[in-house]
Amino acid sequence: MTYHLPELPYDFNALEPVISAAIMELHYTKHHKGYVDNLNAAVEKYHAAEAKGDVAEMIALSQAIKFNGGGHVNHSIFWTNLAPIGMGGGEHPKGELAHAIQKKYSTIQHFIDKMSAAAVGIQGSGWAWFGYHPEADCFKVTTCANQDPLSTQGLVPLLGIDVWEHAYYLQYKNVRAEYVKNIWKIVNWKNVEERYLRAKK
């Protein structure tokens, strides 16, 4: 199986002024593409090692698969979690998702503040996530280091915020908090709700 870079659902400049076209182009064509290319290379080597029964080599390749596979999975979710202003971006959730968030966090704003604090507080590179646990029927705001996927915590990813410097540094420099504050203006809550409803089934 070969993995492919997913098509962006909008143009590079569509998320401006929150995320510049320059950042989007670099992030998508270099970073995400790099994860896809490196994942395919690692999986190919893994299958070759498996065919030879080389367990040591398979183990050695597992970290590259986790890192690059996580990068591919995380970014594929991230692009759909965002939408241009005026085309759904930043419009607060409605319906079942809104009710469930308010039940858990009292208000949408309180949830946003909690997830923002988690994102800003990450040391080094990583992701802040809003996840759902189907068996327990509960939400969780959490973080993952580097490109670890949220599935490693047993949660279904609903909304992710990428706080690797390549996601914001060209525009926001070292002021991560400003990037996190502004990203809520382009969150695609319709996509988040769709992910929630699928996870609940």
N, C-alpha and C. Protein backbone atom coordinates (compact mmCIF):
# COMPACT_ATOMS: atom_id res chain seq x y z
N MET A 1 0.84 -1.20 0.00
CA MET A 1 0.00 0.00 0.00
C MET A 1 0.87 1.24 0.00
N THR A 2 0.55 2.19 -0.86
CA THR A 2 1.28 3.45 -0.93
C THR A 2 0.41 4.56 -0.37
N TYR A 3 1.00 5.39 0.47
CA TYR A 3 0.28 6.51 1.06
C TYR A 3 0.47 7.75 0.20
N HIS A 4 -0.57 8.59 0.16
CA HIS A 4 -0.55 9.76 -0.70
C HIS A 4 -0.89 11.03 0.08
N LEU A 5 -0.37 12.13 -0.39
CA LEU A 5 -0.70 13.43 0.18
C LEU A 5 -2.16 13.75 -0.16
N PRO A 6 -3.00 13.99 0.84
CA PRO A 6 -4.41 14.29 0.54
C PRO A 6 -4.54 15.67 -0.10
N GLU A 7 -5.57 15.84 -0.89
CA GLU A 7 -5.79 17.14 -1.53
C GLU A 7 -6.31 18.13 -0.49
N LEU A 8 -5.74 19.34 -0.48
CA LEU A 8 -6.24 20.38 0.42
C LEU A 8 -7.65 20.79 0.02
N PRO A 9 -8.53 21.02 0.99
CA PRO A 9 -9.90 21.42 0.66
C PRO A 9 -10.05 22.93 0.38
N TYR A 10 -8.94 23.64 0.28
CA TYR A 10 -8.96 25.09 0.03
C TYR A 10 -7.60 25.49 -0.52
N ASP A 11 -7.50 26.72 -1.04
CA ASP A 11 -6.24 27.23 -1.58
C ASP A 11 -5.29 27.60 -0.46
N PHE A 12 -4.00 27.74 -0.78
CA PHE A 12 -2.99 28.08 0.23
C PHE A 12 -3.32 29.40 0.94
N ASN A 13 -3.91 30.35 0.22
CA ASN A 13 -4.17 31.66 0.82
C ASN A 13 -5.54 31.77 1.48
N ALA A 14 -6.30 30.68 1.50
CA ALA A 14 -7.69 30.73 1.96
C ALA A 14 -7.82 30.97 3.46
N LEU A 15 -6.79 30.65 4.23
CA LEU A 15 -6.88 30.78 5.69
C LEU A 15 -6.29 32.09 6.19
N GLU A 16 -5.88 32.96 5.27
CA GLU A 16 -5.38 34.27 5.68
C GLU A 16 -6.53 35.09 6.26
N PRO A 17 -6.29 35.99 7.21
CA PRO A 17 -4.97 36.38 7.72
C PRO A 17 -4.47 35.51 8.87
N VAL A 18 -5.23 34.49 9.26
CA VAL A 18 -4.82 33.68 10.42
C VAL A 18 -3.56 32.88 10.11
N ILE A 19 -3.55 32.19 8.97
CA ILE A 19 -2.36 31.44 8.53
C ILE A 19 -2.03 31.89 7.12
N SER A 20 -0.81 32.37 6.93
CA SER A 20 -0.42 32.93 5.64
C SER A 20 -0.28 31.86 4.57
N ALA A 21 -0.38 32.30 3.32
CA ALA A 21 -0.21 31.39 2.19
C ALA A 21 1.19 30.78 2.20
N ALA A 22 2.19 31.56 2.61
CA ALA A 22 3.57 31.06 2.64
C ALA A 22 3.71 29.90 3.62
N ILE A 23 3.09 30.04 4.80
CA ILE A 23 3.14 28.96 5.78
C ILE A 23 2.41 27.74 5.26
N MET A 24 1.22 27.95 4.71
CA MET A 24 0.44 26.82 4.22
C MET A 24 1.18 26.05 3.13
N GLU A 25 1.78 26.77 2.20
CA GLU A 25 2.48 26.09 1.11
C GLU A 25 3.67 25.30 1.64
N LEU A 26 4.44 25.90 2.54
CA LEU A 26 5.59 25.21 3.13
C LEU A 26 5.13 24.01 3.96
N HIS A 27 4.12 24.22 4.76
CA HIS A 27 3.63 23.18 5.67
C HIS A 27 3.12 21.96 4.89
N TYR A 28 2.35 22.24 3.85
CA TYR A 28 1.72 21.17 3.07
C TYR A 28 2.68 20.50 2.10
N THR A 29 3.40 21.30 1.29
CA THR A 29 4.21 20.74 0.21
C THR A 29 5.56 20.22 0.68
N LYS A 30 6.05 20.69 1.80
CA LYS A 30 7.35 20.24 2.31
C LYS A 30 7.21 19.31 3.51
N HIS A 31 6.55 19.81 4.55
CA HIS A 31 6.49 19.02 5.78
C HIS A 31 5.56 17.81 5.66
N HIS A 32 4.30 18.04 5.27
CA HIS A 32 3.39 16.90 5.16
C HIS A 32 3.85 15.95 4.07
N LYS A 33 4.28 16.49 2.96
CA LYS A 33 4.78 15.62 1.88
C LYS A 33 5.99 14.82 2.36
N GLY A 34 6.84 15.43 3.15
CA GLY A 34 7.99 14.72 3.70
C GLY A 34 7.59 13.54 4.57
N TYR A 35 6.56 13.74 5.39
CA TYR A 35 6.07 12.63 6.22
C TYR A 35 5.55 11.49 5.34
N VAL A 36 4.82 11.82 4.28
CA VAL A 36 4.27 10.80 3.39
C VAL A 36 5.39 10.04 2.69
N ASP A 37 6.35 10.77 2.14
CA ASP A 37 7.46 10.13 1.43
C ASP A 37 8.27 9.23 2.35
N ASN A 38 8.57 9.73 3.55
CA ASN A 38 9.36 8.95 4.50
C ASN A 38 8.59 7.75 5.04
N LEU A 39 7.28 7.90 5.18
CA LEU A 39 6.45 6.77 5.61
C LEU A 39 6.47 5.67 4.56
N ASN A 40 6.30 6.03 3.31
CA ASN A 40 6.32 5.03 2.24
C ASN A 40 7.66 4.31 2.18
N ALA A 41 8.74 5.07 2.34
CA ALA A 41 10.08 4.46 2.31
C ALA A 41 10.27 3.50 3.49
N ALA A 42 9.81 3.91 4.67
CA ALA A 42 9.98 3.06 5.86
C ALA A 42 9.13 1.80 5.77
N VAL A 43 7.90 1.93 5.25
CA VAL A 43 7.03 0.77 5.12
C VAL A 43 7.59 -0.22 4.10
N GLU A 44 8.16 0.30 3.03
CA GLU A 44 8.77 -0.58 2.01
C GLU A 44 9.94 -1.36 2.61
N LYS A 45 10.77 -0.68 3.39
CA LYS A 45 11.90 -1.36 4.05
C LYS A 45 11.40 -2.37 5.09
N TYR A 46 10.31 -2.01 5.76
CA TYR A 46 9.75 -2.92 6.76
C TYR A 46 9.27 -4.22 6.12
N HIS A 47 8.57 -4.10 4.98
CA HIS A 47 8.09 -5.29 4.30
C HIS A 47 9.25 -6.16 3.80
N ALA A 48 10.32 -5.51 3.36
CA ALA A 48 11.50 -6.26 2.91
C ALA A 48 12.13 -7.00 4.08
N ALA A 49 12.19 -6.34 5.23
CA ALA A 49 12.75 -6.98 6.42
C ALA A 49 11.85 -8.12 6.89
N GLU A 50 10.54 -7.91 6.80
CA GLU A 50 9.58 -8.94 7.20
C GLU A 50 9.70 -10.18 6.31
N ALA A 51 9.89 -9.94 5.01
CA ALA A 51 10.04 -11.06 4.06
C ALA A 51 11.29 -11.89 4.37
N LYS A 52 12.31 -11.23 4.91
CA LYS A 52 13.56 -11.92 5.25
C LYS A 52 13.54 -12.47 6.68
N GLY A 53 12.49 -12.13 7.42
CA GLY A 53 12.42 -12.58 8.80
C GLY A 53 13.37 -11.82 9.70
N ASP A 54 13.75 -10.60 9.31
CA ASP A 54 14.71 -9.80 10.06
C ASP A 54 13.96 -8.96 11.11
N VAL A 55 13.71 -9.58 12.26
CA VAL A 55 12.93 -8.93 13.30
C VAL A 55 13.63 -7.69 13.84
N ALA A 56 14.94 -7.77 13.98
CA ALA A 56 15.70 -6.63 14.50
C ALA A 56 15.52 -5.39 13.61
N GLU A 57 15.55 -5.61 12.30
CA GLU A 57 15.37 -4.49 11.37
C GLU A 57 13.92 -3.99 11.42
N MET A 58 12.98 -4.89 11.58
CA MET A 58 11.57 -4.48 11.70
C MET A 58 11.37 -3.59 12.92
N ILE A 59 11.99 -3.98 14.02
CA ILE A 59 11.89 -3.18 15.25
C ILE A 59 12.55 -1.82 15.05
N ALA A 60 13.70 -1.82 14.39
CA ALA A 60 14.42 -0.57 14.15
C ALA A 60 13.61 0.40 13.30
N LEU A 61 12.82 -0.12 12.39
CA LEU A 61 12.03 0.73 11.49
C LEU A 61 10.72 1.21 12.11
N SER A 62 10.33 0.62 13.23
CA SER A 62 9.02 0.94 13.81
C SER A 62 8.93 2.41 14.24
N GLN A 63 10.03 2.98 14.71
CA GLN A 63 9.99 4.38 15.14
C GLN A 63 9.78 5.32 13.96
N ALA A 64 10.43 5.02 12.84
CA ALA A 64 10.25 5.85 11.64
C ALA A 64 8.81 5.76 11.14
N ILE A 65 8.22 4.58 11.23
CA ILE A 65 6.83 4.41 10.81
C ILE A 65 5.89 5.17 11.75
N LYS A 66 6.15 5.09 13.05
CA LYS A 66 5.33 5.81 14.02
C LYS A 66 5.42 7.32 13.81
N PHE A 67 6.63 7.83 13.64
CA PHE A 67 6.82 9.28 13.51
C PHE A 67 6.22 9.81 12.21
N ASN A 68 6.59 9.19 11.10
CA ASN A 68 6.10 9.68 9.81
C ASN A 68 4.64 9.32 9.57
N GLY A 69 4.23 8.15 10.04
CA GLY A 69 2.82 7.78 9.94
C GLY A 69 1.96 8.70 10.79
N GLY A 70 2.43 9.02 11.97
CA GLY A 70 1.72 9.97 12.82
C GLY A 70 1.64 11.34 12.19
N GLY A 71 2.74 11.77 11.59
CA GLY A 71 2.74 13.07 10.90
C GLY A 71 1.73 13.11 9.78
N HIS A 72 1.62 12.03 9.04
CA HIS A 72 0.66 11.95 7.94
C HIS A 72 -0.78 11.95 8.48
N VAL A 73 -1.05 11.14 9.47
CA VAL A 73 -2.39 11.06 10.05
C VAL A 73 -2.79 12.40 10.67
N ASN A 74 -1.90 12.97 11.47
CA ASN A 74 -2.22 14.21 12.17
C ASN A 74 -2.51 15.36 11.21
N HIS A 75 -1.66 15.50 10.19
CA HIS A 75 -1.87 16.60 9.25
C HIS A 75 -3.11 16.39 8.38
N SER A 76 -3.41 15.15 8.05
CA SER A 76 -4.60 14.87 7.25
C SER A 76 -5.86 15.29 8.01
N ILE A 77 -5.85 15.14 9.32
CA ILE A 77 -6.96 15.60 10.15
C ILE A 77 -6.94 17.13 10.26
N PHE A 78 -5.77 17.67 10.49
CA PHE A 78 -5.60 19.12 10.71
C PHE A 78 -6.15 19.95 9.56
N TRP A 79 -5.85 19.57 8.33
CA TRP A 79 -6.32 20.36 7.18
C TRP A 79 -7.85 20.42 7.16
N THR A 80 -8.51 19.32 7.50
CA THR A 80 -9.98 19.31 7.46
C THR A 80 -10.59 19.97 8.69
N ASN A 81 -9.82 20.10 9.76
CA ASN A 81 -10.28 20.77 10.97
C ASN A 81 -10.35 22.29 10.79
N LEU A 82 -9.81 22.79 9.67
CA LEU A 82 -9.76 24.22 9.42
C LEU A 82 -10.62 24.58 8.22
N ALA A 83 -11.13 25.80 8.21
CA ALA A 83 -11.92 26.29 7.09
C ALA A 83 -11.77 27.80 7.01
N PRO A 84 -11.87 28.36 5.81
CA PRO A 84 -11.74 29.81 5.66
C PRO A 84 -12.82 30.57 6.43
N ILE A 85 -12.47 31.76 6.88
CA ILE A 85 -13.45 32.66 7.49
C ILE A 85 -14.52 32.98 6.44
N GLY A 86 -15.77 32.89 6.85
CA GLY A 86 -16.86 33.14 5.92
C GLY A 86 -17.34 31.88 5.22
N MET A 87 -16.59 30.78 5.40
CA MET A 87 -16.97 29.49 4.81
C MET A 87 -17.02 28.42 5.89
N GLY A 88 -17.42 28.83 7.07
CA GLY A 88 -17.53 27.91 8.20
C GLY A 88 -16.46 28.07 9.25
N GLY A 89 -15.34 28.66 8.88
CA GLY A 89 -14.25 28.81 9.83
C GLY A 89 -14.61 29.71 11.00
N GLY A 90 -14.45 29.20 12.21
CA GLY A 90 -14.68 29.99 13.41
C GLY A 90 -16.11 30.03 13.90
N GLU A 91 -17.05 29.51 13.11
CA GLU A 91 -18.45 29.51 13.54
C GLU A 91 -18.63 28.47 14.65
N HIS A 92 -19.12 28.90 15.78
CA HIS A 92 -19.21 28.02 16.94
C HIS A 92 -20.07 26.79 16.67
N PRO A 93 -19.75 25.69 17.35
CA PRO A 93 -20.51 24.45 17.12
C PRO A 93 -21.97 24.60 17.50
N LYS A 94 -22.79 23.80 16.85
CA LYS A 94 -24.22 23.80 17.13
C LYS A 94 -24.65 22.35 17.38
N GLY A 95 -25.90 22.20 17.74
CA GLY A 95 -26.47 20.87 17.83
C GLY A 95 -25.86 19.98 18.89
N GLU A 96 -25.73 18.70 18.54
CA GLU A 96 -25.32 17.68 19.51
C GLU A 96 -23.93 17.91 20.07
N LEU A 97 -23.01 18.32 19.21
CA LEU A 97 -21.64 18.57 19.69
C LEU A 97 -21.62 19.73 20.68
N ALA A 98 -22.29 20.82 20.34
CA ALA A 98 -22.32 21.98 21.23
C ALA A 98 -22.91 21.59 22.59
N HIS A 99 -23.99 20.84 22.57
CA HIS A 99 -24.63 20.41 23.83
C HIS A 99 -23.68 19.55 24.66
N ALA A 100 -22.97 18.63 23.99
CA ALA A 100 -22.05 17.73 24.70
C ALA A 100 -20.86 18.50 25.29
N ILE A 101 -20.34 19.48 24.53
CA ILE A 101 -19.22 20.29 25.04
C ILE A 101 -19.66 21.12 26.24
N GLN A 102 -20.85 21.72 26.16
CA GLN A 102 -21.35 22.54 27.25
C GLN A 102 -21.63 21.69 28.50
N LYS A 103 -22.06 20.47 28.28
CA LYS A 103 -22.31 19.57 29.41
C LYS A 103 -21.00 19.24 30.13
N LYS A 104 -19.93 19.07 29.35
CA LYS A 104 -18.63 18.70 29.92
C LYS A 104 -17.87 19.91 30.46
N TYR A 105 -17.88 21.02 29.71
CA TYR A 105 -17.02 22.16 30.04
C TYR A 105 -17.79 23.41 30.45
N SER A 106 -19.08 23.33 30.58
CA SER A 106 -20.00 24.41 30.97
C SER A 106 -20.25 25.41 29.84
N THR A 107 -19.20 25.88 29.16
CA THR A 107 -19.38 26.78 28.03
C THR A 107 -18.38 26.44 26.93
N ILE A 108 -18.69 26.84 25.71
CA ILE A 108 -17.75 26.64 24.60
C ILE A 108 -16.46 27.40 24.88
N GLN A 109 -16.58 28.62 25.39
CA GLN A 109 -15.39 29.43 25.66
C GLN A 109 -14.49 28.79 26.71
N HIS A 110 -15.10 28.18 27.72
CA HIS A 110 -14.28 27.50 28.74
C HIS A 110 -13.50 26.35 28.12
N PHE A 111 -14.14 25.62 27.21
CA PHE A 111 -13.44 24.55 26.50
C PHE A 111 -12.29 25.12 25.67
N ILE A 112 -12.55 26.20 24.93
CA ILE A 112 -11.51 26.83 24.09
C ILE A 112 -10.34 27.27 24.95
N ASP A 113 -10.63 27.87 26.10
CA ASP A 113 -9.56 28.32 27.00
C ASP A 113 -8.73 27.14 27.49
N LYS A 114 -9.40 26.04 27.79
CA LYS A 114 -8.69 24.85 28.31
C LYS A 114 -7.79 24.25 27.24
N MET A 115 -8.31 24.12 26.02
CA MET A 115 -7.50 23.54 24.96
C MET A 115 -6.38 24.48 24.54
N SER A 116 -6.64 25.77 24.55
CA SER A 116 -5.61 26.76 24.21
C SER A 116 -4.45 26.69 25.21
N ALA A 117 -4.78 26.58 26.48
CA ALA A 117 -3.75 26.48 27.51
C ALA A 117 -2.90 25.23 27.31
N ALA A 118 -3.54 24.13 26.94
CA ALA A 118 -2.80 22.89 26.68
C ALA A 118 -1.85 23.07 25.50
N ALA A 119 -2.33 23.73 24.44
CA ALA A 119 -1.51 23.92 23.25
C ALA A 119 -0.31 24.83 23.53
N VAL A 120 -0.56 25.94 24.21
CA VAL A 120 0.51 26.89 24.51
C VAL A 120 1.53 26.28 25.46
N GLY A 121 1.07 25.40 26.34
CA GLY A 121 1.95 24.84 27.36
C GLY A 121 2.82 23.68 26.92
N ILE A 122 2.67 23.21 25.69
CA ILE A 122 3.50 22.09 25.23
C ILE A 122 4.95 22.52 25.17
N GLN A 123 5.81 21.73 25.75
CA GLN A 123 7.25 22.01 25.70
C GLN A 123 7.83 21.37 24.45
N GLY A 124 8.43 22.18 23.58
CA GLY A 124 8.97 21.66 22.34
C GLY A 124 7.87 21.51 21.31
N SER A 125 7.97 20.46 20.51
CA SER A 125 7.03 20.25 19.40
C SER A 125 5.95 19.24 19.78
N GLY A 126 4.77 19.43 19.23
CA GLY A 126 3.70 18.48 19.51
C GLY A 126 2.36 19.00 19.06
N TRP A 127 1.31 18.37 19.59
CA TRP A 127 -0.06 18.68 19.22
C TRP A 127 -0.94 18.74 20.46
N ALA A 128 -1.90 19.67 20.45
CA ALA A 128 -2.99 19.65 21.44
C ALA A 128 -4.19 19.01 20.76
N TRP A 129 -4.89 18.16 21.49
CA TRP A 129 -6.00 17.41 20.90
C TRP A 129 -7.26 17.48 21.74
N PHE A 130 -8.37 17.50 21.06
CA PHE A 130 -9.69 17.29 21.65
C PHE A 130 -10.13 15.92 21.15
N GLY A 131 -10.18 14.96 22.07
CA GLY A 131 -10.47 13.59 21.69
C GLY A 131 -11.73 13.05 22.35
N TYR A 132 -12.18 11.94 21.83
CA TYR A 132 -13.40 11.31 22.34
C TYR A 132 -13.13 9.84 22.62
N HIS A 133 -13.62 9.38 23.77
CA HIS A 133 -13.48 7.97 24.16
C HIS A 133 -14.85 7.32 24.00
N PRO A 134 -15.03 6.52 22.93
CA PRO A 134 -16.37 5.96 22.66
C PRO A 134 -16.92 5.08 23.78
N GLU A 135 -16.07 4.22 24.35
CA GLU A 135 -16.56 3.29 25.38
C GLU A 135 -17.04 4.03 26.62
N ALA A 136 -16.29 5.07 27.00
CA ALA A 136 -16.66 5.84 28.20
C ALA A 136 -17.60 6.99 27.88
N ASP A 137 -17.82 7.24 26.59
CA ASP A 137 -18.66 8.35 26.12
C ASP A 137 -18.24 9.65 26.80
N CYS A 138 -16.96 9.99 26.64
CA CYS A 138 -16.47 11.22 27.26
C CYS A 138 -15.41 11.88 26.39
N PHE A 139 -15.25 13.19 26.59
CA PHE A 139 -14.24 13.97 25.90
C PHE A 139 -12.98 14.07 26.75
N LYS A 140 -11.88 14.38 26.07
CA LYS A 140 -10.65 14.67 26.79
C LYS A 140 -9.81 15.65 26.00
N VAL A 141 -9.31 16.67 26.67
CA VAL A 141 -8.31 17.57 26.10
C VAL A 141 -6.96 17.06 26.56
N THR A 142 -6.07 16.81 25.61
CA THR A 142 -4.78 16.22 25.95
C THR A 142 -3.73 16.69 24.95
N THR A 143 -2.51 16.26 25.13
CA THR A 143 -1.43 16.63 24.21
C THR A 143 -0.65 15.38 23.81
N CYS A 144 0.00 15.48 22.66
CA CYS A 144 0.89 14.42 22.18
C CYS A 144 2.21 15.04 21.79
N ALA A 145 3.29 14.40 22.15
CA ALA A 145 4.62 14.89 21.79
C ALA A 145 4.92 14.57 20.33
N ASN A 146 5.72 15.43 19.73
CA ASN A 146 6.20 15.21 18.36
C ASN A 146 5.05 14.93 17.40
N GLN A 147 5.08 13.76 16.71
CA GLN A 147 3.98 13.41 15.80
C GLN A 147 3.21 12.18 16.29
N ASP A 148 3.29 11.90 17.58
CA ASP A 148 2.52 10.77 18.11
C ASP A 148 1.04 10.97 17.81
N PRO A 149 0.37 9.99 17.22
CA PRO A 149 -1.07 10.14 16.96
C PRO A 149 -1.88 9.96 18.23
N LEU A 150 -3.05 10.57 18.26
CA LEU A 150 -3.90 10.50 19.45
C LEU A 150 -4.39 9.09 19.72
N SER A 151 -4.42 8.25 18.70
CA SER A 151 -4.86 6.86 18.89
C SER A 151 -3.99 6.12 19.89
N THR A 152 -2.75 6.59 20.10
CA THR A 152 -1.87 5.94 21.09
C THR A 152 -2.40 6.13 22.51
N GLN A 153 -3.34 7.07 22.69
CA GLN A 153 -3.96 7.27 24.00
C GLN A 153 -5.37 6.65 24.07
N GLY A 154 -5.72 5.90 23.03
CA GLY A 154 -7.02 5.24 23.02
C GLY A 154 -8.18 6.18 22.75
N LEU A 155 -7.90 7.33 22.13
CA LEU A 155 -8.93 8.32 21.86
C LEU A 155 -9.13 8.52 20.37
N VAL A 156 -10.34 8.88 19.98
CA VAL A 156 -10.64 9.24 18.60
C VAL A 156 -10.39 10.74 18.43
N PRO A 157 -9.54 11.14 17.50
CA PRO A 157 -9.25 12.57 17.34
C PRO A 157 -10.41 13.33 16.71
N LEU A 158 -10.80 14.42 17.36
CA LEU A 158 -11.86 15.28 16.83
C LEU A 158 -11.30 16.60 16.30
N LEU A 159 -10.36 17.18 17.06
CA LEU A 159 -9.78 18.47 16.71
C LEU A 159 -8.35 18.54 17.20
N GLY A 160 -7.45 18.90 16.29
CA GLY A 160 -6.04 19.01 16.66
C GLY A 160 -5.48 20.38 16.35
N ILE A 161 -4.56 20.85 17.19
CA ILE A 161 -3.83 22.09 16.94
C ILE A 161 -2.35 21.75 16.86
N ASP A 162 -1.78 21.98 15.71
CA ASP A 162 -0.36 21.72 15.46
C ASP A 162 0.45 22.87 16.05
N VAL A 163 1.33 22.57 17.01
CA VAL A 163 2.17 23.62 17.58
C VAL A 163 3.65 23.37 17.31
N TRP A 164 3.94 22.59 16.27
CA TRP A 164 5.31 22.58 15.77
C TRP A 164 5.60 23.98 15.22
N GLU A 165 6.83 24.45 15.35
CA GLU A 165 7.14 25.81 14.91
C GLU A 165 6.89 26.02 13.42
N HIS A 166 7.02 24.95 12.61
CA HIS A 166 6.79 25.15 11.18
C HIS A 166 5.35 25.52 10.87
N ALA A 167 4.44 25.31 11.83
CA ALA A 167 3.03 25.63 11.62
C ALA A 167 2.73 27.12 11.78
N TYR A 168 3.66 27.87 12.40
CA TYR A 168 3.33 29.27 12.68
C TYR A 168 4.52 30.24 12.68
N TYR A 169 5.76 29.76 12.70
CA TYR A 169 6.89 30.64 13.00
C TYR A 169 7.11 31.74 11.96
N LEU A 170 6.90 31.44 10.69
CA LEU A 170 7.11 32.46 9.64
C LEU A 170 6.25 33.69 9.87
N GLN A 171 5.10 33.50 10.50
CA GLN A 171 4.15 34.59 10.69
C GLN A 171 4.14 35.11 12.13
N TYR A 172 4.18 34.21 13.09
CA TYR A 172 4.02 34.61 14.49
C TYR A 172 5.33 34.61 15.27
N LYS A 173 6.43 34.24 14.61
CA LYS A 173 7.74 34.15 15.27
C LYS A 173 7.61 33.23 16.50
N ASN A 174 8.06 33.69 17.66
CA ASN A 174 8.04 32.83 18.84
C ASN A 174 6.79 33.01 19.70
N VAL A 175 5.80 33.76 19.19
CA VAL A 175 4.61 34.04 19.99
C VAL A 175 3.54 32.98 19.69
N ARG A 176 3.75 31.80 20.22
CA ARG A 176 2.83 30.69 19.98
C ARG A 176 1.42 31.03 20.47
N ALA A 177 1.32 31.73 21.58
CA ALA A 177 0.01 32.02 22.16
C ALA A 177 -0.86 32.83 21.20
N GLU A 178 -0.27 33.70 20.42
CA GLU A 178 -1.05 34.50 19.47
C GLU A 178 -1.58 33.63 18.34
N TYR A 179 -0.74 32.70 17.88
CA TYR A 179 -1.17 31.74 16.85
C TYR A 179 -2.34 30.90 17.36
N VAL A 180 -2.22 30.40 18.58
CA VAL A 180 -3.28 29.56 19.15
C VAL A 180 -4.56 30.37 19.34
N LYS A 181 -4.43 31.61 19.80
CA LYS A 181 -5.61 32.47 19.96
C LYS A 181 -6.33 32.67 18.63
N ASN A 182 -5.57 32.91 17.57
CA ASN A 182 -6.16 33.22 16.26
C ASN A 182 -6.71 31.99 15.54
N ILE A 183 -6.16 30.81 15.82
CA ILE A 183 -6.57 29.64 15.05
C ILE A 183 -8.05 29.30 15.27
N TRP A 184 -8.60 29.74 16.41
CA TRP A 184 -10.02 29.48 16.65
C TRP A 184 -10.92 30.21 15.66
N LYS A 185 -10.37 31.22 14.99
CA LYS A 185 -11.14 31.96 13.98
C LYS A 185 -11.37 31.13 12.71
N ILE A 186 -10.62 30.03 12.57
CA ILE A 186 -10.74 29.21 11.36
C ILE A 186 -11.01 27.74 11.67
N VAL A 187 -11.37 27.43 12.90
CA VAL A 187 -11.72 26.04 13.23
C VAL A 187 -13.01 25.67 12.50
N ASN A 188 -12.99 24.53 11.85
CA ASN A 188 -14.13 24.02 11.10
C ASN A 188 -14.96 23.12 12.03
N TRP A 189 -15.86 23.73 12.79
CA TRP A 189 -16.62 22.98 13.78
C TRP A 189 -17.54 21.96 13.15
N LYS A 190 -17.95 22.21 11.92
CA LYS A 190 -18.79 21.22 11.23
C LYS A 190 -18.02 19.92 11.05
N ASN A 191 -16.74 20.02 10.71
CA ASN A 191 -15.90 18.84 10.56
C ASN A 191 -15.71 18.14 11.91
N VAL A 192 -15.51 18.93 12.96
CA VAL A 192 -15.34 18.37 14.31
C VAL A 192 -16.60 17.60 14.71
N GLU A 193 -17.76 18.19 14.43
CA GLU A 193 -19.02 17.52 14.77
C GLU A 193 -19.20 16.22 13.97
N GLU A 194 -18.84 16.25 12.69
CA GLU A 194 -18.94 15.04 11.87
C GLU A 194 -18.08 13.93 12.45
N ARG A 195 -16.89 14.27 12.90
CA ARG A 195 -15.99 13.28 13.49
C ARG A 195 -16.59 12.73 14.81
N TYR A 196 -17.19 13.61 15.58
CA TYR A 196 -17.81 13.21 16.84
C TYR A 196 -18.98 12.25 16.60
N LEU A 197 -19.84 12.59 15.66
CA LEU A 197 -21.01 11.75 15.40
C LEU A 197 -20.62 10.38 14.84
N ARG A 198 -19.56 10.35 14.00
CA ARG A 198 -19.06 9.05 13.50
C ARG A 198 -18.50 8.21 14.64
N ALA A 199 -17.78 8.86 15.54
CA ALA A 199 -17.15 8.13 16.66
C ALA A 199 -18.19 7.57 17.61
N LYS A 200 -19.34 8.24 17.70
CA LYS A 200 -20.38 7.80 18.64
C LYS A 200 -21.14 6.56 18.16
N LYS A 201 -21.07 6.28 16.87
CA LYS A 201 -21.85 5.16 16.31
C LYS A 201 -21.34 3.83 16.81
